[in-house]
Amino acid sequence: MPADLPSKICEVCGLPFNWRKKWAKNWDEVKYCSEKCRRHKKSTSSGLPEI
């Protein structure tokens, strides 16, 4: 049942997402709900100039 699957909160968009079979081997390392959020995190963390 889908309700029994573990879920996490995306570090970029803050939305909840559920476990997927493709993440079975590395669920503990999954931090983002999608490839788009994963790419966005990389660009925003290093894209801001320090003042």
PDB file of N, CA and C in Angstrom:
ATOM      1  N   MET A   1       0.830  -1.196   0.000  1.00  0.00           N
ATOM      2  CA  MET A   1       0.000   0.000   0.000  1.00  0.00           C
ATOM      3  C   MET A   1       0.865   1.246   0.000  1.00  0.00           C
ATOM      4  N   PRO A   2       0.485   2.264  -0.747  1.00  0.00           N
ATOM      5  CA  PRO A   2       1.254   3.492  -0.787  1.00  0.00           C
ATOM      6  C   PRO A   2       1.369   4.192   0.569  1.00  0.00           C
ATOM      7  N   ALA A   3       0.379   4.045   1.420  1.00  0.00           N
ATOM      8  CA  ALA A   3       0.412   4.705   2.728  1.00  0.00           C
ATOM      9  C   ALA A   3       1.491   4.115   3.632  1.00  0.00           C
ATOM     10  N   ASP A   4       1.926   2.893   3.347  1.00  0.00           N
ATOM     11  CA  ASP A   4       2.938   2.231   4.161  1.00  0.00           C
ATOM     12  C   ASP A   4       4.364   2.589   3.766  1.00  0.00           C
ATOM     13  N   LEU A   5       4.546   3.281   2.655  1.00  0.00           N
ATOM     14  CA  LEU A   5       5.884   3.629   2.190  1.00  0.00           C
ATOM     15  C   LEU A   5       6.471   4.762   3.024  1.00  0.00           C
ATOM     16  N   PRO A   6       7.787   4.708   3.276  1.00  0.00           N
ATOM     17  CA  PRO A   6       8.413   5.811   4.008  1.00  0.00           C
ATOM     18  C   PRO A   6       8.423   7.076   3.157  1.00  0.00           C
ATOM     19  N   SER A   7       8.485   8.213   3.805  1.00  0.00           N
ATOM     20  CA  SER A   7       8.530   9.472   3.069  1.00  0.00           C
ATOM     21  C   SER A   7       9.552  10.399   3.702  1.00  0.00           C
ATOM     22  N   LYS A   8       9.928  11.419   2.951  1.00  0.00           N
ATOM     23  CA  LYS A   8      10.877  12.445   3.400  1.00  0.00           C
ATOM     24  C   LYS A   8      10.395  13.792   2.893  1.00  0.00           C
ATOM     25  N   ILE A   9      11.033  14.853   3.382  1.00  0.00           N
ATOM     26  CA  ILE A   9      10.757  16.208   2.913  1.00  0.00           C
ATOM     27  C   ILE A   9      11.927  16.647   2.035  1.00  0.00           C
ATOM     28  N   CYS A  10      11.634  17.144   0.852  1.00  0.00           N
ATOM     29  CA  CYS A  10      12.666  17.606  -0.076  1.00  0.00           C
ATOM     30  C   CYS A  10      13.399  18.803   0.518  1.00  0.00           C
ATOM     31  N   GLU A  11      14.728  18.790   0.472  1.00  0.00           N
ATOM     32  CA  GLU A  11      15.526  19.878   1.033  1.00  0.00           C
ATOM     33  C   GLU A  11      15.426  21.169   0.223  1.00  0.00           C
ATOM     34  N   VAL A  12      14.990  21.078  -1.035  1.00  0.00           N
ATOM     35  CA  VAL A  12      14.909  22.262  -1.883  1.00  0.00           C
ATOM     36  C   VAL A  12      13.514  22.883  -1.876  1.00  0.00           C
ATOM     37  N   CYS A  13      12.500  22.086  -2.218  1.00  0.00           N
ATOM     38  CA  CYS A  13      11.149  22.642  -2.351  1.00  0.00           C
ATOM     39  C   CYS A  13      10.306  22.487  -1.090  1.00  0.00           C
ATOM     40  N   GLY A  14      10.733  21.638  -0.160  1.00  0.00           N
ATOM     41  CA  GLY A  14      10.019  21.466   1.095  1.00  0.00           C
ATOM     42  C   GLY A  14       8.774  20.594   1.015  1.00  0.00           C
ATOM     43  N   LEU A  15       8.545  19.961  -0.124  1.00  0.00           N
ATOM     44  CA  LEU A  15       7.371  19.100  -0.283  1.00  0.00           C
ATOM     45  C   LEU A  15       7.712  17.668   0.101  1.00  0.00           C
ATOM     46  N   PRO A  16       6.740  16.938   0.636  1.00  0.00           N
ATOM     47  CA  PRO A  16       6.992  15.533   0.976  1.00  0.00           C
ATOM     48  C   PRO A  16       7.046  14.665  -0.276  1.00  0.00           C
ATOM     49  N   PHE A  17       7.876  13.625  -0.223  1.00  0.00           N
ATOM     50  CA  PHE A  17       7.910  12.656  -1.309  1.00  0.00           C
ATOM     51  C   PHE A  17       8.091  11.264  -0.723  1.00  0.00           C
ATOM     52  N   ASN A  18       7.556  10.256  -1.418  1.00  0.00           N
ATOM     53  CA  ASN A  18       7.570   8.878  -0.939  1.00  0.00           C
ATOM     54  C   ASN A  18       8.711   8.078  -1.538  1.00  0.00           C
ATOM     55  N   TRP A  19       9.038   6.984  -0.849  1.00  0.00           N
ATOM     56  CA  TRP A  19      10.040   6.033  -1.297  1.00  0.00           C
ATOM     57  C   TRP A  19       9.680   5.515  -2.675  1.00  0.00           C
ATOM     58  N   ARG A  20      10.698   5.328  -3.510  1.00  0.00           N
ATOM     59  CA  ARG A  20      10.505   4.740  -4.835  1.00  0.00           C
ATOM     60  C   ARG A  20      11.448   3.555  -4.974  1.00  0.00           C
ATOM     61  N   LYS A  21      11.055   2.606  -5.782  1.00  0.00           N
ATOM     62  CA  LYS A  21      11.856   1.392  -5.953  1.00  0.00           C
ATOM     63  C   LYS A  21      13.279   1.716  -6.424  1.00  0.00           C
ATOM     64  N   LYS A  22      13.429   2.718  -7.275  1.00  0.00           N
ATOM     65  CA  LYS A  22      14.764   3.056  -7.781  1.00  0.00           C
ATOM     66  C   LYS A  22      15.689   3.582  -6.674  1.00  0.00           C
ATOM     67  N   TRP A  23      15.119   3.993  -5.532  1.00  0.00           N
ATOM     68  CA  TRP A  23      15.917   4.478  -4.402  1.00  0.00           C
ATOM     69  C   TRP A  23      16.130   3.400  -3.338  1.00  0.00           C
ATOM     70  N   ALA A  24      15.771   2.158  -3.623  1.00  0.00           N
ATOM     71  CA  ALA A  24      15.825   1.087  -2.626  1.00  0.00           C
ATOM     72  C   ALA A  24      17.217   0.911  -2.019  1.00  0.00           C
ATOM     73  N   LYS A  25      18.254   1.016  -2.834  1.00  0.00           N
ATOM     74  CA  LYS A  25      19.614   0.776  -2.347  1.00  0.00           C
ATOM     75  C   LYS A  25      20.225   1.974  -1.634  1.00  0.00           C
ATOM     76  N   ASN A  26      19.713   3.180  -1.877  1.00  0.00           N
ATOM     77  CA  ASN A  26      20.337   4.360  -1.273  1.00  0.00           C
ATOM     78  C   ASN A  26      19.325   5.338  -0.662  1.00  0.00           C
ATOM     79  N   TRP A  27      18.243   4.829  -0.114  1.00  0.00           N
ATOM     80  CA  TRP A  27      17.188   5.675   0.456  1.00  0.00           C
ATOM     81  C   TRP A  27      17.733   6.633   1.511  1.00  0.00           C
ATOM     82  N   ASP A  28      18.712   6.200   2.309  1.00  0.00           N
ATOM     83  CA  ASP A  28      19.261   7.064   3.357  1.00  0.00           C
ATOM     84  C   ASP A  28      19.964   8.293   2.792  1.00  0.00           C
ATOM     85  N   GLU A  29      20.478   8.205   1.572  1.00  0.00           N
ATOM     86  CA  GLU A  29      21.184   9.332   0.958  1.00  0.00           C
ATOM     87  C   GLU A  29      20.274  10.245   0.134  1.00  0.00           C
ATOM     88  N   VAL A  30      19.051   9.819  -0.148  1.00  0.00           N
ATOM     89  CA  VAL A  30      18.134  10.611  -0.978  1.00  0.00           C
ATOM     90  C   VAL A  30      17.684  11.849  -0.206  1.00  0.00           C
ATOM     91  N   LYS A  31      17.873  13.032  -0.812  1.00  0.00           N
ATOM     92  CA  LYS A  31      17.521  14.295  -0.164  1.00  0.00           C
ATOM     93  C   LYS A  31      16.545  15.131  -0.986  1.00  0.00           C
ATOM     94  N   TYR A  32      16.400  14.805  -2.264  1.00  0.00           N
ATOM     95  CA  TYR A  32      15.607  15.634  -3.174  1.00  0.00           C
ATOM     96  C   TYR A  32      14.502  14.823  -3.832  1.00  0.00           C
ATOM     97  N   CYS A  33      13.377  15.460  -4.089  1.00  0.00           N
ATOM     98  CA  CYS A  33      12.224  14.756  -4.659  1.00  0.00           C
ATOM     99  C   CYS A  33      12.374  14.508  -6.157  1.00  0.00           C
ATOM    100  N   SER A  34      13.242  15.263  -6.814  1.00  0.00           N
ATOM    101  CA  SER A  34      13.369  15.135  -8.263  1.00  0.00           C
ATOM    102  C   SER A  34      14.756  15.571  -8.712  1.00  0.00           C
ATOM    103  N   GLU A  35      15.069  15.250  -9.941  1.00  0.00           N
ATOM    104  CA  GLU A  35      16.327  15.692 -10.546  1.00  0.00           C
ATOM    105  C   GLU A  35      16.369  17.219 -10.632  1.00  0.00           C
ATOM    106  N   LYS A  36      15.225  17.824 -10.901  1.00  0.00           N
ATOM    107  CA  LYS A  36      15.151  19.283 -10.987  1.00  0.00           C
ATOM    108  C   LYS A  36      15.555  19.934  -9.657  1.00  0.00           C
ATOM    109  N   CYS A  37      15.039  19.426  -8.555  1.00  0.00           N
ATOM    110  CA  CYS A  37      15.404  19.969  -7.242  1.00  0.00           C
ATOM    111  C   CYS A  37      16.872  19.706  -6.928  1.00  0.00           C
ATOM    112  N   ARG A  38      17.376  18.545  -7.303  1.00  0.00           N
ATOM    113  CA  ARG A  38      18.790  18.239  -7.053  1.00  0.00           C
ATOM    114  C   ARG A  38      19.691  19.223  -7.797  1.00  0.00           C
ATOM    115  N   ARG A  39      19.361  19.520  -9.050  1.00  0.00           N
ATOM    116  CA  ARG A  39      20.150  20.478  -9.831  1.00  0.00           C
ATOM    117  C   ARG A  39      20.013  21.892  -9.269  1.00  0.00           C
ATOM    118  N   HIS A  40      18.817  22.248  -8.850  1.00  0.00           N
ATOM    119  CA  HIS A  40      18.580  23.590  -8.312  1.00  0.00           C
ATOM    120  C   HIS A  40      19.382  23.820  -7.039  1.00  0.00           C
ATOM    121  N   LYS A  41      19.499  22.806  -6.203  1.00  0.00           N
ATOM    122  CA  LYS A  41      20.246  22.912  -4.957  1.00  0.00           C
ATOM    123  C   LYS A  41      21.707  23.232  -5.241  1.00  0.00           C
ATOM    124  N   LYS A  42      22.297  22.558  -6.214  1.00  0.00           N
ATOM    125  CA  LYS A  42      23.700  22.789  -6.546  1.00  0.00           C
ATOM    126  C   LYS A  42      23.933  24.205  -7.052  1.00  0.00           C
ATOM    127  N   SER A  43      23.031  24.714  -7.887  1.00  0.00           N
ATOM    128  CA  SER A  43      23.239  26.032  -8.466  1.00  0.00           C
ATOM    129  C   SER A  43      22.998  27.152  -7.456  1.00  0.00           C
ATOM    130  N   THR A  44      22.083  26.964  -6.516  1.00  0.00           N
ATOM    131  CA  THR A  44      21.805  28.029  -5.563  1.00  0.00           C
ATOM    132  C   THR A  44      22.835  28.065  -4.435  1.00  0.00           C
ATOM    133  N   SER A  45      23.407  26.921  -4.082  1.00  0.00           N
ATOM    134  CA  SER A  45      24.362  26.921  -2.981  1.00  0.00           C
ATOM    135  C   SER A  45      25.669  27.593  -3.340  1.00  0.00           C
ATOM    136  N   SER A  46      26.067  27.541  -4.609  1.00  0.00           N
ATOM    137  CA  SER A  46      27.331  28.150  -4.996  1.00  0.00           C
ATOM    138  C   SER A  46      27.144  29.387  -5.862  1.00  0.00           C
ATOM    139  N   GLY A  47      25.906  29.704  -6.207  1.00  0.00           N
ATOM    140  CA  GLY A  47      25.656  30.819  -7.114  1.00  0.00           C
ATOM    141  C   GLY A  47      25.499  32.171  -6.448  1.00  0.00           C
ATOM    142  N   LEU A  48      25.388  32.208  -5.138  1.00  0.00           N
ATOM    143  CA  LEU A  48      25.206  33.482  -4.469  1.00  0.00           C
ATOM    144  C   LEU A  48      26.537  34.108  -4.094  1.00  0.00           C
ATOM    145  N   PRO A  49      26.753  35.361  -4.449  1.00  0.00           N
ATOM    146  CA  PRO A  49      28.018  36.013  -4.099  1.00  0.00           C
ATOM    147  C   PRO A  49      28.083  36.349  -2.614  1.00  0.00           C
ATOM    148  N   GLU A  50      29.253  36.227  -2.033  1.00  0.00           N
ATOM    149  CA  GLU A  50      29.423  36.607  -0.633  1.00  0.00           C
ATOM    150  C   GLU A  50      29.728  38.081  -0.542  1.00  0.00           C
ATOM    151  N   ILE A  51      29.165  38.721   0.457  1.00  0.00           N
ATOM    152  CA  ILE A  51      29.372  40.174   0.630  1.00  0.00           C
ATOM    153  C   ILE A  51      30.275  40.413   1.812  1.00  0.00           C
TER     154      ILE A  51
END
